[in-house]
Amino acid sequence: MEALAAIGRHRFKPKYKMTKYGCKHCGDVCQVYKIVSPSDLKKAIRVVQDNIADGIVIESDFWPQQNLKISHEPFSGIQVNGPYDDFLIYYFECPECKQLFQLSAETYHGSGGLWKPIDRDSL
């Protein structure tokens, strides 16, 4: 099953495929997807929800130690059509290799966001 290029059952074109991250299980979601519009954010949320349902990723309790933790509802409580907090940031991981992923978006001013694989050691 394709994942983020097709994260779950919802498809969109990735901006960059990241080949150095992940494993066979999560390799299809190891890419950067730029969120530049409300419809991009809705698509990303649907795709991540589908990948959670399909077992490709799980919501992670990871939070970078140097960052102030943002208190927000669990990703499972996010509605595709909103309303959204002013800033969304969620971490996910592959249940097999523990590859970490971040979904972030600034919704108040609409400056966009990203889905991307990240290296735990770089944070």
N, C-alpha and C. Protein backbone atom coordinates (compact mmCIF):
# COMPACT_ATOMS: atom_id res chain seq x y z
N MET A 1 0.85 -1.18 0.00
CA MET A 1 0.00 0.00 0.00
C MET A 1 0.89 1.24 0.00
N GLU A 2 0.58 2.18 -0.85
CA GLU A 2 1.31 3.44 -0.86
C GLU A 2 0.87 4.25 0.35
N ALA A 3 1.75 5.07 0.86
CA ALA A 3 1.43 5.80 2.06
C ALA A 3 1.27 7.29 1.81
N LEU A 4 2.26 8.15 2.06
CA LEU A 4 2.02 9.60 1.95
C LEU A 4 1.90 10.05 0.51
N ALA A 5 2.65 9.47 -0.39
CA ALA A 5 2.43 9.80 -1.79
C ALA A 5 1.00 9.43 -2.06
N ALA A 6 0.53 8.54 -1.27
CA ALA A 6 -0.86 8.14 -1.31
C ALA A 6 -1.30 7.96 0.12
N ILE A 7 -0.79 8.72 1.03
CA ILE A 7 -0.98 8.41 2.43
C ILE A 7 -2.34 7.78 2.58
N GLY A 8 -2.35 6.54 2.91
CA GLY A 8 -3.59 5.82 3.03
C GLY A 8 -4.33 5.82 1.71
N ARG A 9 -5.57 6.18 1.73
CA ARG A 9 -6.41 6.15 0.55
C ARG A 9 -6.48 7.50 -0.14
N HIS A 10 -5.90 8.52 0.43
CA HIS A 10 -5.93 9.86 -0.15
C HIS A 10 -4.57 10.17 -0.75
N ARG A 11 -4.57 10.64 -1.97
CA ARG A 11 -3.31 10.83 -2.70
C ARG A 11 -3.01 12.31 -2.93
N PHE A 12 -1.73 12.63 -2.88
CA PHE A 12 -1.25 13.93 -3.34
C PHE A 12 0.20 13.79 -3.73
N LYS A 13 0.65 14.71 -4.55
CA LYS A 13 2.03 14.64 -5.02
C LYS A 13 2.97 15.22 -3.98
N PRO A 14 3.99 14.47 -3.61
CA PRO A 14 4.97 14.98 -2.67
C PRO A 14 5.87 16.01 -3.33
N LYS A 15 6.44 16.87 -2.53
CA LYS A 15 7.41 17.84 -3.04
C LYS A 15 8.78 17.19 -3.18
N TYR A 16 9.17 16.41 -2.18
CA TYR A 16 10.48 15.78 -2.19
C TYR A 16 10.37 14.39 -1.57
N LYS A 17 10.90 13.39 -2.20
CA LYS A 17 10.97 12.04 -1.65
C LYS A 17 12.25 11.95 -0.84
N MET A 18 12.17 11.51 0.38
CA MET A 18 13.32 11.43 1.26
C MET A 18 13.78 9.97 1.35
N THR A 19 14.84 9.63 0.66
CA THR A 19 15.25 8.23 0.57
C THR A 19 16.10 7.76 1.74
N LYS A 20 16.68 8.66 2.52
CA LYS A 20 17.56 8.22 3.61
C LYS A 20 16.80 7.93 4.90
N TYR A 21 15.51 8.13 4.90
CA TYR A 21 14.71 7.93 6.11
C TYR A 21 13.83 6.70 6.01
N GLY A 22 13.46 6.17 7.16
CA GLY A 22 12.43 5.15 7.23
C GLY A 22 12.87 3.74 6.88
N CYS A 23 11.85 2.88 6.75
CA CYS A 23 12.04 1.48 6.45
C CYS A 23 11.03 1.09 5.37
N LYS A 24 10.98 -0.17 5.08
CA LYS A 24 10.05 -0.65 4.04
C LYS A 24 8.60 -0.34 4.43
N HIS A 25 8.29 -0.41 5.72
CA HIS A 25 6.93 -0.17 6.20
C HIS A 25 6.49 1.28 6.00
N CYS A 26 7.37 2.22 6.28
CA CYS A 26 6.99 3.64 6.25
C CYS A 26 7.64 4.42 5.11
N GLY A 27 8.37 3.76 4.25
CA GLY A 27 9.13 4.44 3.21
C GLY A 27 8.30 5.36 2.33
N ASP A 28 7.04 4.99 2.07
CA ASP A 28 6.21 5.82 1.20
C ASP A 28 5.79 7.15 1.83
N VAL A 29 5.86 7.26 3.15
CA VAL A 29 5.50 8.53 3.79
C VAL A 29 6.73 9.39 4.10
N CYS A 30 7.90 8.89 3.76
CA CYS A 30 9.15 9.63 3.99
C CYS A 30 9.35 10.65 2.89
N GLN A 31 8.61 11.71 2.97
CA GLN A 31 8.68 12.76 1.97
C GLN A 31 8.23 14.07 2.59
N VAL A 32 8.56 15.15 1.93
CA VAL A 32 8.14 16.47 2.37
C VAL A 32 6.91 16.86 1.56
N TYR A 33 5.87 17.25 2.27
CA TYR A 33 4.66 17.76 1.63
C TYR A 33 4.41 19.16 2.17
N LYS A 34 4.49 20.13 1.30
CA LYS A 34 4.33 21.52 1.71
C LYS A 34 2.84 21.89 1.74
N ILE A 35 2.43 22.50 2.83
CA ILE A 35 1.05 22.95 3.01
C ILE A 35 1.02 24.45 2.76
N VAL A 36 0.35 24.85 1.69
CA VAL A 36 0.32 26.27 1.33
C VAL A 36 -1.10 26.83 1.26
N SER A 37 -2.10 25.99 1.50
CA SER A 37 -3.48 26.45 1.44
C SER A 37 -4.33 25.63 2.42
N PRO A 38 -5.51 26.14 2.76
CA PRO A 38 -6.40 25.37 3.63
C PRO A 38 -6.73 23.99 3.04
N SER A 39 -6.87 23.89 1.73
CA SER A 39 -7.18 22.59 1.14
C SER A 39 -6.00 21.62 1.28
N ASP A 40 -4.77 22.14 1.22
CA ASP A 40 -3.59 21.30 1.45
C ASP A 40 -3.60 20.75 2.88
N LEU A 41 -3.96 21.60 3.84
CA LEU A 41 -4.01 21.16 5.23
C LEU A 41 -5.07 20.09 5.42
N LYS A 42 -6.23 20.29 4.85
CA LYS A 42 -7.31 19.29 4.95
C LYS A 42 -6.86 17.96 4.35
N LYS A 43 -6.21 18.03 3.21
CA LYS A 43 -5.73 16.81 2.56
C LYS A 43 -4.69 16.12 3.44
N ALA A 44 -3.75 16.88 3.98
CA ALA A 44 -2.72 16.29 4.84
C ALA A 44 -3.34 15.63 6.06
N ILE A 45 -4.32 16.27 6.68
CA ILE A 45 -4.98 15.69 7.85
C ILE A 45 -5.68 14.38 7.47
N ARG A 46 -6.40 14.38 6.35
CA ARG A 46 -7.08 13.15 5.90
C ARG A 46 -6.08 12.03 5.63
N VAL A 47 -4.98 12.38 4.99
CA VAL A 47 -3.98 11.39 4.64
C VAL A 47 -3.34 10.81 5.90
N VAL A 48 -3.00 11.65 6.85
CA VAL A 48 -2.40 11.16 8.10
C VAL A 48 -3.41 10.30 8.86
N GLN A 49 -4.67 10.73 8.92
CA GLN A 49 -5.69 9.93 9.60
C GLN A 49 -5.81 8.55 8.95
N ASP A 50 -5.77 8.50 7.63
CA ASP A 50 -5.84 7.22 6.92
C ASP A 50 -4.61 6.37 7.20
N ASN A 51 -3.43 7.00 7.27
CA ASN A 51 -2.22 6.23 7.56
C ASN A 51 -2.22 5.70 8.98
N ILE A 52 -2.80 6.44 9.90
CA ILE A 52 -2.95 5.93 11.27
C ILE A 52 -3.88 4.72 11.25
N ALA A 53 -5.01 4.85 10.57
CA ALA A 53 -5.98 3.75 10.48
C ALA A 53 -5.36 2.51 9.83
N ASP A 54 -4.47 2.73 8.87
CA ASP A 54 -3.82 1.62 8.16
C ASP A 54 -2.60 1.07 8.90
N GLY A 55 -2.21 1.71 10.02
CA GLY A 55 -1.07 1.24 10.79
C GLY A 55 0.28 1.63 10.24
N ILE A 56 0.32 2.58 9.30
CA ILE A 56 1.60 3.03 8.73
C ILE A 56 2.35 3.90 9.74
N VAL A 57 1.64 4.79 10.43
CA VAL A 57 2.22 5.63 11.47
C VAL A 57 1.29 5.61 12.69
N ILE A 58 1.85 5.98 13.83
CA ILE A 58 1.09 6.15 15.05
C ILE A 58 1.42 7.52 15.63
N GLU A 59 0.49 8.10 16.38
CA GLU A 59 0.78 9.38 17.02
C GLU A 59 1.85 9.14 18.08
N SER A 60 2.82 10.04 18.13
CA SER A 60 3.96 9.91 19.04
C SER A 60 3.84 10.91 20.18
N ASP A 61 4.38 10.55 21.33
CA ASP A 61 4.43 11.50 22.45
C ASP A 61 5.76 12.25 22.46
N PHE A 62 6.55 12.09 21.40
CA PHE A 62 7.82 12.80 21.28
C PHE A 62 7.59 14.31 21.31
N TRP A 63 8.49 15.02 21.96
CA TRP A 63 8.51 16.47 21.92
C TRP A 63 9.96 16.91 22.10
N PRO A 64 10.48 17.79 21.22
CA PRO A 64 11.87 18.23 21.36
C PRO A 64 12.11 18.85 22.74
N GLN A 65 13.19 18.45 23.40
CA GLN A 65 13.46 18.89 24.76
C GLN A 65 13.65 20.39 24.87
N GLN A 66 14.22 21.02 23.85
CA GLN A 66 14.50 22.45 23.94
C GLN A 66 13.28 23.31 23.61
N ASN A 67 12.18 22.71 23.19
CA ASN A 67 10.99 23.46 22.82
C ASN A 67 9.93 23.44 23.91
N LEU A 68 9.26 24.55 24.08
CA LEU A 68 8.14 24.62 25.00
C LEU A 68 7.02 23.77 24.43
N LYS A 69 6.50 22.86 25.23
CA LYS A 69 5.45 21.96 24.72
C LYS A 69 4.14 22.70 24.57
N ILE A 70 3.55 22.55 23.40
CA ILE A 70 2.26 23.15 23.11
C ILE A 70 1.19 22.19 23.56
N SER A 71 0.27 22.67 24.34
CA SER A 71 -0.84 21.84 24.81
C SER A 71 -1.96 21.91 23.78
N HIS A 72 -2.36 20.77 23.27
CA HIS A 72 -3.44 20.73 22.30
C HIS A 72 -4.12 19.38 22.36
N GLU A 73 -5.24 19.28 21.70
CA GLU A 73 -5.96 18.02 21.69
C GLU A 73 -5.17 16.97 20.91
N PRO A 74 -5.40 15.70 21.20
CA PRO A 74 -4.74 14.66 20.43
C PRO A 74 -5.13 14.74 18.95
N PHE A 75 -4.25 14.26 18.09
CA PHE A 75 -4.53 14.32 16.67
C PHE A 75 -5.84 13.61 16.33
N SER A 76 -6.15 12.57 17.06
CA SER A 76 -7.39 11.82 16.80
C SER A 76 -8.63 12.69 16.99
N GLY A 77 -8.51 13.81 17.70
CA GLY A 77 -9.64 14.72 17.91
C GLY A 77 -9.76 15.81 16.86
N ILE A 78 -8.80 15.88 15.95
CA ILE A 78 -8.82 16.92 14.90
C ILE A 78 -9.89 16.57 13.88
N GLN A 79 -10.71 17.54 13.54
CA GLN A 79 -11.71 17.38 12.49
C GLN A 79 -11.12 17.93 11.19
N VAL A 80 -11.30 17.22 10.10
CA VAL A 80 -10.73 17.62 8.82
C VAL A 80 -11.12 19.05 8.45
N ASN A 81 -12.35 19.42 8.70
CA ASN A 81 -12.84 20.75 8.32
C ASN A 81 -12.70 21.79 9.43
N GLY A 82 -11.94 21.46 10.47
CA GLY A 82 -11.71 22.41 11.55
C GLY A 82 -12.87 22.44 12.53
N PRO A 83 -12.85 23.40 13.42
CA PRO A 83 -11.89 24.50 13.55
C PRO A 83 -10.54 23.98 14.06
N TYR A 84 -9.49 24.74 13.76
CA TYR A 84 -8.14 24.38 14.16
C TYR A 84 -7.60 25.39 15.16
N ASP A 85 -6.65 24.91 15.97
CA ASP A 85 -5.88 25.85 16.79
C ASP A 85 -5.08 26.75 15.86
N ASP A 86 -4.57 27.87 16.39
CA ASP A 86 -3.79 28.80 15.57
C ASP A 86 -2.51 28.16 15.01
N PHE A 87 -1.96 27.23 15.76
CA PHE A 87 -0.75 26.55 15.32
C PHE A 87 -0.90 25.07 15.63
N LEU A 88 -0.72 24.24 14.63
CA LEU A 88 -0.78 22.79 14.80
C LEU A 88 0.62 22.22 14.69
N ILE A 89 0.98 21.37 15.63
CA ILE A 89 2.22 20.63 15.52
C ILE A 89 2.01 19.27 16.18
N TYR A 90 2.21 18.24 15.38
CA TYR A 90 2.03 16.87 15.85
C TYR A 90 3.20 16.04 15.37
N TYR A 91 3.54 15.03 16.18
CA TYR A 91 4.60 14.10 15.84
C TYR A 91 4.00 12.71 15.70
N PHE A 92 4.53 11.97 14.75
CA PHE A 92 4.10 10.61 14.48
C PHE A 92 5.34 9.77 14.31
N GLU A 93 5.18 8.45 14.43
CA GLU A 93 6.33 7.58 14.20
C GLU A 93 5.89 6.28 13.57
N CYS A 94 6.84 5.66 12.90
CA CYS A 94 6.62 4.34 12.32
C CYS A 94 6.64 3.33 13.47
N PRO A 95 5.65 2.46 13.55
CA PRO A 95 5.65 1.49 14.64
C PRO A 95 6.75 0.43 14.50
N GLU A 96 7.38 0.35 13.34
CA GLU A 96 8.42 -0.66 13.13
C GLU A 96 9.83 -0.12 13.34
N CYS A 97 10.18 0.98 12.67
CA CYS A 97 11.56 1.49 12.77
C CYS A 97 11.67 2.73 13.67
N LYS A 98 10.55 3.26 14.12
CA LYS A 98 10.50 4.44 14.99
C LYS A 98 10.92 5.73 14.28
N GLN A 99 10.92 5.73 12.93
CA GLN A 99 11.17 6.97 12.19
C GLN A 99 10.15 8.01 12.65
N LEU A 100 10.61 9.20 12.89
CA LEU A 100 9.77 10.28 13.39
C LEU A 100 9.32 11.18 12.24
N PHE A 101 8.08 11.65 12.31
CA PHE A 101 7.49 12.55 11.32
C PHE A 101 6.84 13.72 12.04
N GLN A 102 6.81 14.86 11.38
CA GLN A 102 6.17 16.04 11.96
C GLN A 102 5.15 16.60 10.97
N LEU A 103 3.97 16.91 11.50
CA LEU A 103 2.96 17.65 10.75
C LEU A 103 2.81 18.97 11.49
N SER A 104 3.06 20.07 10.77
CA SER A 104 2.94 21.39 11.40
C SER A 104 2.27 22.35 10.43
N ALA A 105 1.50 23.27 11.00
CA ALA A 105 0.83 24.29 10.17
C ALA A 105 0.48 25.48 11.04
N GLU A 106 0.68 26.66 10.50
CA GLU A 106 0.27 27.91 11.14
C GLU A 106 -1.04 28.30 10.46
N THR A 107 -2.13 28.23 11.21
CA THR A 107 -3.45 28.42 10.61
C THR A 107 -4.02 29.83 10.81
N TYR A 108 -3.52 30.57 11.77
CA TYR A 108 -4.08 31.89 12.07
C TYR A 108 -3.82 32.87 10.92
N HIS A 109 -2.56 32.96 10.49
CA HIS A 109 -2.21 33.85 9.39
C HIS A 109 -2.17 33.12 8.04
N GLY A 110 -2.25 31.80 8.10
CA GLY A 110 -2.24 31.02 6.87
C GLY A 110 -0.88 30.94 6.19
N SER A 111 0.19 30.97 7.01
CA SER A 111 1.53 30.96 6.40
C SER A 111 1.98 29.57 6.00
N GLY A 112 1.17 28.58 6.23
CA GLY A 112 1.46 27.25 5.73
C GLY A 112 2.09 26.32 6.73
N GLY A 113 2.63 25.22 6.21
CA GLY A 113 3.22 24.22 7.07
C GLY A 113 3.82 23.10 6.25
N LEU A 114 4.13 21.98 6.93
CA LEU A 114 4.80 20.84 6.30
C LEU A 114 4.42 19.53 6.95
N TRP A 115 4.48 18.47 6.16
CA TRP A 115 4.62 17.10 6.66
C TRP A 115 6.04 16.72 6.27
N LYS A 116 6.81 16.18 7.21
CA LYS A 116 8.18 15.81 6.87
C LYS A 116 8.71 14.77 7.84
N PRO A 117 9.61 13.91 7.34
CA PRO A 117 10.33 13.03 8.25
C PRO A 117 11.41 13.85 8.94
N ILE A 118 11.69 13.53 10.20
CA ILE A 118 12.74 14.26 10.91
C ILE A 118 13.64 13.29 11.66
N ASP A 119 14.84 13.74 11.87
CA ASP A 119 15.85 12.97 12.61
C ASP A 119 15.77 13.40 14.07
N ARG A 120 15.45 12.46 14.94
CA ARG A 120 15.33 12.77 16.39
C ARG A 120 16.59 13.44 16.94
N ASP A 121 17.73 13.01 16.45
CA ASP A 121 18.99 13.54 16.97
C ASP A 121 19.26 14.97 16.54
N SER A 122 18.55 15.45 15.53
CA SER A 122 18.77 16.81 15.06
C SER A 122 17.94 17.84 15.84
N LEU A 123 17.06 17.36 16.70
CA LEU A 123 16.19 18.28 17.45
C LEU A 123 16.67 18.48 18.86
